[in-house]
Amino acid sequence: MLCMGRPREHDERTAVSLLEAAERIVGVAGLDALSVRGVADEVGTTTRAVYSLFGSKHGLVVALGTRAFEMLGAAIAALPTTDDPAGDLVEAGITVFRRFAIGHPSLFNIGMQLALPPLRSEFGPAPAEAFTGLEARVTRAQQSGLLGRRSVHEAALEFHALCEGLAAVELRSHMTPGEEERVWRDALTALVAGFTAS
């Protein structure tokens, strides 16, 4: 008789469900309201599942920050390219970064806005991989002579910084309702056009 190994009690689906619950809790009540018990109760499982998969509340927060960059990286990798590198770069800011930040404000806050360098260092390779995806878009602009004297890394940093700032401003409701995407498009288009300035 073939003896089957014991199935894992807490699998990837459980992990995703727990992270989604944690994101909802933070979105509604803030990071201070996040607890292992609250997340477990939200999913209808035990605290053992949370501890088994994430180790602690801190591990949950790290996993949320990591997820933020994994989502960004996957979205930018999936975004089609055209024969307009400058337009593609602007579109990456609007379609990928803005959509992520507005759709997942809790993840945006944990991944990019929290002033916790030790936490950021625990996100693993996800931030660098997401940034590499952005640099690939910027490289296409460089190959078309659109960066002026800037390096790909410098231009990508400036582009990311503007996206992060625009997202923070929109999330604070400081943009005119209905005008948000136009503001993003105008700002990012102006930045990319300015890359060619000496």
C-alpha atoms as a PDB file:
ATOM      1  CA  MET A   1       0.000   0.000   0.000  1.00  0.00           C
ATOM      2  CA  LEU A   2       1.365   3.401  -1.035  1.00  0.00           C
ATOM      3  CA  CYS A   3       1.751   5.700   1.927  1.00  0.00           C
ATOM      4  CA  MET A   4       0.937   9.284   1.029  1.00  0.00           C
ATOM      5  CA  GLY A   5       2.749  12.171   2.717  1.00  0.00           C
ATOM      6  CA  ARG A   6       0.735  14.313   5.058  1.00  0.00           C
ATOM      7  CA  PRO A   7      -0.820  17.207   3.112  1.00  0.00           C
ATOM      8  CA  ARG A   8       0.144  20.705   4.105  1.00  0.00           C
ATOM      9  CA  GLU A   9      -2.493  22.088   6.386  1.00  0.00           C
ATOM     10  CA  HIS A  10      -1.888  25.704   5.371  1.00  0.00           C
ATOM     11  CA  ASP A  11      -1.208  26.208   1.681  1.00  0.00           C
ATOM     12  CA  GLU A  12      -0.740  29.081  -0.730  1.00  0.00           C
ATOM     13  CA  ARG A  13      -4.467  29.720  -0.960  1.00  0.00           C
ATOM     14  CA  THR A  14      -4.654  30.141   2.789  1.00  0.00           C
ATOM     15  CA  ALA A  15      -1.716  32.534   2.679  1.00  0.00           C
ATOM     16  CA  VAL A  16      -3.384  34.654  -0.016  1.00  0.00           C
ATOM     17  CA  SER A  17      -6.669  34.702   1.919  1.00  0.00           C
ATOM     18  CA  LEU A  18      -4.869  35.805   5.080  1.00  0.00           C
ATOM     19  CA  LEU A  19      -3.005  38.574   3.246  1.00  0.00           C
ATOM     20  CA  GLU A  20      -6.216  39.808   1.640  1.00  0.00           C
ATOM     21  CA  ALA A  21      -7.871  39.873   5.058  1.00  0.00           C
ATOM     22  CA  ALA A  22      -4.902  41.719   6.549  1.00  0.00           C
ATOM     23  CA  GLU A  23      -5.053  44.276   3.742  1.00  0.00           C
ATOM     24  CA  ARG A  24      -8.773  44.850   4.379  1.00  0.00           C
ATOM     25  CA  ILE A  25      -8.237  45.303   8.112  1.00  0.00           C
ATOM     26  CA  VAL A  26      -5.440  47.819   7.590  1.00  0.00           C
ATOM     27  CA  GLY A  27      -7.522  49.626   4.979  1.00  0.00           C
ATOM     28  CA  VAL A  28     -10.475  50.022   7.315  1.00  0.00           C
ATOM     29  CA  ALA A  29      -8.842  50.568  10.701  1.00  0.00           C
ATOM     30  CA  GLY A  30      -5.137  51.243  10.127  1.00  0.00           C
ATOM     31  CA  LEU A  31      -1.980  49.271  10.755  1.00  0.00           C
ATOM     32  CA  ASP A  32      -2.345  49.451  14.546  1.00  0.00           C
ATOM     33  CA  ALA A  33      -5.587  47.462  14.278  1.00  0.00           C
ATOM     34  CA  LEU A  34      -3.852  44.539  12.576  1.00  0.00           C
ATOM     35  CA  SER A  35      -3.571  41.449  14.773  1.00  0.00           C
ATOM     36  CA  VAL A  36      -2.940  37.762  14.241  1.00  0.00           C
ATOM     37  CA  ARG A  37      -6.259  36.923  15.894  1.00  0.00           C
ATOM     38  CA  GLY A  38      -8.202  39.451  13.824  1.00  0.00           C
ATOM     39  CA  VAL A  39      -6.778  38.167  10.548  1.00  0.00           C
ATOM     40  CA  ALA A  40      -7.442  34.546  11.490  1.00  0.00           C
ATOM     41  CA  ASP A  41     -11.019  35.352  12.502  1.00  0.00           C
ATOM     42  CA  GLU A  42     -11.605  37.243   9.253  1.00  0.00           C
ATOM     43  CA  VAL A  43     -10.646  34.182   7.227  1.00  0.00           C
ATOM     44  CA  GLY A  44     -12.320  31.686   9.531  1.00  0.00           C
ATOM     45  CA  THR A  45      -9.145  29.868  10.478  1.00  0.00           C
ATOM     46  CA  THR A  46      -6.905  29.618  13.527  1.00  0.00           C
ATOM     47  CA  THR A  47      -4.047  31.795  14.691  1.00  0.00           C
ATOM     48  CA  ARG A  48      -1.897  28.727  14.134  1.00  0.00           C
ATOM     49  CA  ALA A  49      -2.369  29.190  10.394  1.00  0.00           C
ATOM     50  CA  VAL A  50      -1.053  32.759  10.587  1.00  0.00           C
ATOM     51  CA  TYR A  51       1.909  31.776  12.728  1.00  0.00           C
ATOM     52  CA  SER A  52       2.666  28.796  10.502  1.00  0.00           C
ATOM     53  CA  LEU A  53       2.706  30.880   7.316  1.00  0.00           C
ATOM     54  CA  PHE A  54       4.002  34.264   8.504  1.00  0.00           C
ATOM     55  CA  GLY A  55       5.520  33.731  11.946  1.00  0.00           C
ATOM     56  CA  SER A  56       4.053  36.823  13.612  1.00  0.00           C
ATOM     57  CA  LYS A  57       2.204  40.084  13.083  1.00  0.00           C
ATOM     58  CA  HIS A  58       5.491  41.562  11.921  1.00  0.00           C
ATOM     59  CA  GLY A  59       5.772  38.771   9.379  1.00  0.00           C
ATOM     60  CA  LEU A  60       2.303  39.637   8.109  1.00  0.00           C
ATOM     61  CA  VAL A  61       3.315  43.273   7.627  1.00  0.00           C
ATOM     62  CA  VAL A  62       6.477  42.232   5.791  1.00  0.00           C
ATOM     63  CA  ALA A  63       4.414  39.928   3.570  1.00  0.00           C
ATOM     64  CA  LEU A  64       2.029  42.790   2.765  1.00  0.00           C
ATOM     65  CA  GLY A  65       4.922  45.042   1.768  1.00  0.00           C
ATOM     66  CA  THR A  66       6.453  42.276  -0.316  1.00  0.00           C
ATOM     67  CA  ARG A  67       3.107  41.679  -1.990  1.00  0.00           C
ATOM     68  CA  ALA A  68       2.940  45.347  -2.962  1.00  0.00           C
ATOM     69  CA  PHE A  69       6.133  45.090  -5.000  1.00  0.00           C
ATOM     70  CA  GLU A  70       5.235  41.678  -6.415  1.00  0.00           C
ATOM     71  CA  MET A  71       1.968  43.100  -7.718  1.00  0.00           C
ATOM     72  CA  LEU A  72       3.722  46.112  -9.226  1.00  0.00           C
ATOM     73  CA  GLY A  73       6.379  43.941 -10.833  1.00  0.00           C
ATOM     74  CA  ALA A  74       3.847  41.549 -12.330  1.00  0.00           C
ATOM     75  CA  ALA A  75       1.671  44.378 -13.642  1.00  0.00           C
ATOM     76  CA  ILE A  76       4.511  46.245 -15.321  1.00  0.00           C
ATOM     77  CA  ALA A  77       5.817  43.016 -16.866  1.00  0.00           C
ATOM     78  CA  ALA A  78       2.356  42.277 -18.284  1.00  0.00           C
ATOM     79  CA  LEU A  79       1.832  45.767 -19.756  1.00  0.00           C
ATOM     80  CA  PRO A  80       2.141  45.676 -23.562  1.00  0.00           C
ATOM     81  CA  THR A  81       4.649  47.874 -25.379  1.00  0.00           C
ATOM     82  CA  THR A  82       4.122  49.920 -28.540  1.00  0.00           C
ATOM     83  CA  ASP A  83       6.443  51.788 -30.880  1.00  0.00           C
ATOM     84  CA  ASP A  84       6.173  54.858 -28.605  1.00  0.00           C
ATOM     85  CA  PRO A  85       8.605  54.373 -25.670  1.00  0.00           C
ATOM     86  CA  ALA A  86       7.736  57.735 -24.094  1.00  0.00           C
ATOM     87  CA  GLY A  87       4.018  57.015 -24.266  1.00  0.00           C
ATOM     88  CA  ASP A  88       4.584  53.521 -22.904  1.00  0.00           C
ATOM     89  CA  LEU A  89       6.449  54.951 -19.919  1.00  0.00           C
ATOM     90  CA  VAL A  90       3.642  57.388 -19.137  1.00  0.00           C
ATOM     91  CA  GLU A  91       1.129  54.567 -19.532  1.00  0.00           C
ATOM     92  CA  ALA A  92       3.094  52.435 -17.063  1.00  0.00           C
ATOM     93  CA  GLY A  93       2.742  55.199 -14.491  1.00  0.00           C
ATOM     94  CA  ILE A  94      -0.996  55.531 -14.993  1.00  0.00           C
ATOM     95  CA  THR A  95      -2.065  51.976 -15.767  1.00  0.00           C
ATOM     96  CA  VAL A  96       0.290  50.211 -13.370  1.00  0.00           C
ATOM     97  CA  PHE A  97       1.343  52.538 -10.545  1.00  0.00           C
ATOM     98  CA  ARG A  98      -1.802  54.643 -10.228  1.00  0.00           C
ATOM     99  CA  ARG A  99      -4.127  51.658 -10.538  1.00  0.00           C
ATOM    100  CA  PHE A 100      -2.138  49.789  -7.889  1.00  0.00           C
ATOM    101  CA  ALA A 101      -1.969  52.698  -5.434  1.00  0.00           C
ATOM    102  CA  ILE A 102      -5.641  53.607  -5.745  1.00  0.00           C
ATOM    103  CA  GLY A 103      -6.778  49.985  -5.716  1.00  0.00           C
ATOM    104  CA  HIS A 104      -4.509  48.918  -2.843  1.00  0.00           C
ATOM    105  CA  PRO A 105      -3.832  51.987  -0.690  1.00  0.00           C
ATOM    106  CA  SER A 106      -2.878  49.874   2.333  1.00  0.00           C
ATOM    107  CA  LEU A 107      -0.199  48.029   0.360  1.00  0.00           C
ATOM    108  CA  PHE A 108       1.021  51.298  -1.141  1.00  0.00           C
ATOM    109  CA  ASN A 109       1.343  52.757   2.339  1.00  0.00           C
ATOM    110  CA  ILE A 110       3.173  49.770   3.806  1.00  0.00           C
ATOM    111  CA  GLY A 111       5.412  49.167   0.806  1.00  0.00           C
ATOM    112  CA  MET A 112       6.312  52.719  -0.118  1.00  0.00           C
ATOM    113  CA  GLN A 113       5.208  55.264   2.442  1.00  0.00           C
ATOM    114  CA  LEU A 114       6.212  53.833   5.813  1.00  0.00           C
ATOM    115  CA  ALA A 115       9.490  55.362   7.000  1.00  0.00           C
ATOM    116  CA  LEU A 116      10.788  52.039   8.275  1.00  0.00           C
ATOM    117  CA  PRO A 117      14.072  51.149   6.511  1.00  0.00           C
ATOM    118  CA  PRO A 118      14.526  47.903   8.507  1.00  0.00           C
ATOM    119  CA  LEU A 119      11.096  46.751   7.324  1.00  0.00           C
ATOM    120  CA  ARG A 120      11.893  47.578   3.697  1.00  0.00           C
ATOM    121  CA  SER A 121      15.054  45.484   3.915  1.00  0.00           C
ATOM    122  CA  GLU A 122      12.903  42.435   4.713  1.00  0.00           C
ATOM    123  CA  PHE A 123      10.884  42.585   1.502  1.00  0.00           C
ATOM    124  CA  GLY A 124      13.448  40.399  -0.255  1.00  0.00           C
ATOM    125  CA  PRO A 125      14.108  40.774  -3.998  1.00  0.00           C
ATOM    126  CA  ALA A 126      10.592  42.013  -4.851  1.00  0.00           C
ATOM    127  CA  PRO A 127      11.361  45.789  -4.749  1.00  0.00           C
ATOM    128  CA  ALA A 128      14.476  45.415  -6.905  1.00  0.00           C
ATOM    129  CA  GLU A 129      12.650  43.182  -9.367  1.00  0.00           C
ATOM    130  CA  ALA A 130       9.787  45.656  -9.712  1.00  0.00           C
ATOM    131  CA  PHE A 131      12.247  48.510 -10.220  1.00  0.00           C
ATOM    132  CA  THR A 132      14.080  46.459 -12.851  1.00  0.00           C
ATOM    133  CA  GLY A 133      10.797  46.212 -14.739  1.00  0.00           C
ATOM    134  CA  LEU A 134      10.488  50.002 -14.666  1.00  0.00           C
ATOM    135  CA  GLU A 135      14.108  50.385 -15.775  1.00  0.00           C
ATOM    136  CA  ALA A 136      13.361  48.156 -18.769  1.00  0.00           C
ATOM    137  CA  ARG A 137      10.710  50.672 -19.840  1.00  0.00           C
ATOM    138  CA  VAL A 138      13.115  53.555 -19.287  1.00  0.00           C
ATOM    139  CA  THR A 139      15.827  51.739 -21.252  1.00  0.00           C
ATOM    140  CA  ARG A 140      13.560  51.775 -24.306  1.00  0.00           C
ATOM    141  CA  ALA A 141      13.285  55.549 -23.917  1.00  0.00           C
ATOM    142  CA  GLN A 142      17.079  55.821 -23.659  1.00  0.00           C
ATOM    143  CA  GLN A 143      17.519  53.757 -26.818  1.00  0.00           C
ATOM    144  CA  SER A 144      15.284  56.264 -28.593  1.00  0.00           C
ATOM    145  CA  GLY A 145      17.433  59.174 -27.386  1.00  0.00           C
ATOM    146  CA  LEU A 146      14.843  60.466 -24.929  1.00  0.00           C
ATOM    147  CA  LEU A 147      16.849  60.654 -21.700  1.00  0.00           C
ATOM    148  CA  GLY A 148      19.321  63.406 -22.488  1.00  0.00           C
ATOM    149  CA  ARG A 149      22.223  63.148 -20.029  1.00  0.00           C
ATOM    150  CA  ARG A 150      20.332  61.107 -17.485  1.00  0.00           C
ATOM    151  CA  SER A 151      21.178  57.483 -16.830  1.00  0.00           C
ATOM    152  CA  VAL A 152      18.448  54.876 -16.945  1.00  0.00           C
ATOM    153  CA  HIS A 153      18.665  54.527 -13.164  1.00  0.00           C
ATOM    154  CA  GLU A 154      18.368  58.282 -12.553  1.00  0.00           C
ATOM    155  CA  ALA A 155      15.409  58.648 -14.901  1.00  0.00           C
ATOM    156  CA  ALA A 156      13.663  55.631 -13.361  1.00  0.00           C
ATOM    157  CA  LEU A 157      14.156  57.061  -9.858  1.00  0.00           C
ATOM    158  CA  GLU A 158      12.708  60.420 -10.903  1.00  0.00           C
ATOM    159  CA  PHE A 159       9.784  58.726 -12.623  1.00  0.00           C
ATOM    160  CA  HIS A 160       9.061  56.529  -9.602  1.00  0.00           C
ATOM    161  CA  ALA A 161       9.328  59.495  -7.233  1.00  0.00           C
ATOM    162  CA  LEU A 162       6.767  61.468  -9.231  1.00  0.00           C
ATOM    163  CA  CYS A 163       4.399  58.480  -9.361  1.00  0.00           C
ATOM    164  CA  GLU A 164       4.709  57.977  -5.620  1.00  0.00           C
ATOM    165  CA  GLY A 165       4.060  61.659  -4.960  1.00  0.00           C
ATOM    166  CA  LEU A 166       1.057  61.788  -7.283  1.00  0.00           C
ATOM    167  CA  ALA A 167      -0.402  58.694  -5.616  1.00  0.00           C
ATOM    168  CA  ALA A 168       0.054  60.165  -2.140  1.00  0.00           C
ATOM    169  CA  VAL A 169      -1.632  63.414  -3.191  1.00  0.00           C
ATOM    170  CA  GLU A 170      -4.557  61.631  -4.838  1.00  0.00           C
ATOM    171  CA  LEU A 171      -5.062  59.342  -1.852  1.00  0.00           C
ATOM    172  CA  ARG A 172      -5.274  62.407   0.385  1.00  0.00           C
ATOM    173  CA  SER A 173      -8.102  63.656  -1.885  1.00  0.00           C
ATOM    174  CA  HIS A 174      -6.151  66.749  -2.941  1.00  0.00           C
ATOM    175  CA  MET A 175      -7.005  66.368  -6.624  1.00  0.00           C
ATOM    176  CA  THR A 176     -10.157  67.655  -8.261  1.00  0.00           C
ATOM    177  CA  PRO A 177     -12.604  64.738  -8.591  1.00  0.00           C
ATOM    178  CA  GLY A 178     -12.703  63.484 -12.164  1.00  0.00           C
ATOM    179  CA  GLU A 179      -9.418  65.181 -13.032  1.00  0.00           C
ATOM    180  CA  GLU A 180      -7.056  62.697 -11.372  1.00  0.00           C
ATOM    181  CA  GLU A 181      -5.972  60.750 -14.457  1.00  0.00           C
ATOM    182  CA  ARG A 182      -5.503  63.937 -16.468  1.00  0.00           C
ATOM    183  CA  VAL A 183      -3.235  65.341 -13.742  1.00  0.00           C
ATOM    184  CA  TRP A 184      -1.191  62.140 -13.732  1.00  0.00           C
ATOM    185  CA  ARG A 185      -0.909  62.111 -17.512  1.00  0.00           C
ATOM    186  CA  ASP A 186       0.069  65.791 -17.726  1.00  0.00           C
ATOM    187  CA  ALA A 187       2.685  65.465 -14.967  1.00  0.00           C
ATOM    188  CA  LEU A 188       4.267  62.266 -16.273  1.00  0.00           C
ATOM    189  CA  THR A 189       4.242  63.478 -19.877  1.00  0.00           C
ATOM    190  CA  ALA A 190       5.989  66.690 -18.820  1.00  0.00           C
ATOM    191  CA  LEU A 191       8.589  64.743 -16.835  1.00  0.00           C
ATOM    192  CA  VAL A 192       9.383  62.366 -19.690  1.00  0.00           C
ATOM    193  CA  ALA A 193       9.548  65.255 -22.161  1.00  0.00           C
ATOM    194  CA  GLY A 194      11.907  67.062 -19.787  1.00  0.00           C
ATOM    195  CA  PHE A 195      14.348  64.157 -19.712  1.00  0.00           C
ATOM    196  CA  THR A 196      15.819  65.404 -22.992  1.00  0.00           C
ATOM    197  CA  ALA A 197      16.656  68.809 -21.465  1.00  0.00           C
ATOM    198  CA  SER A 198      20.302  69.357 -20.667  1.00  0.00           C
END
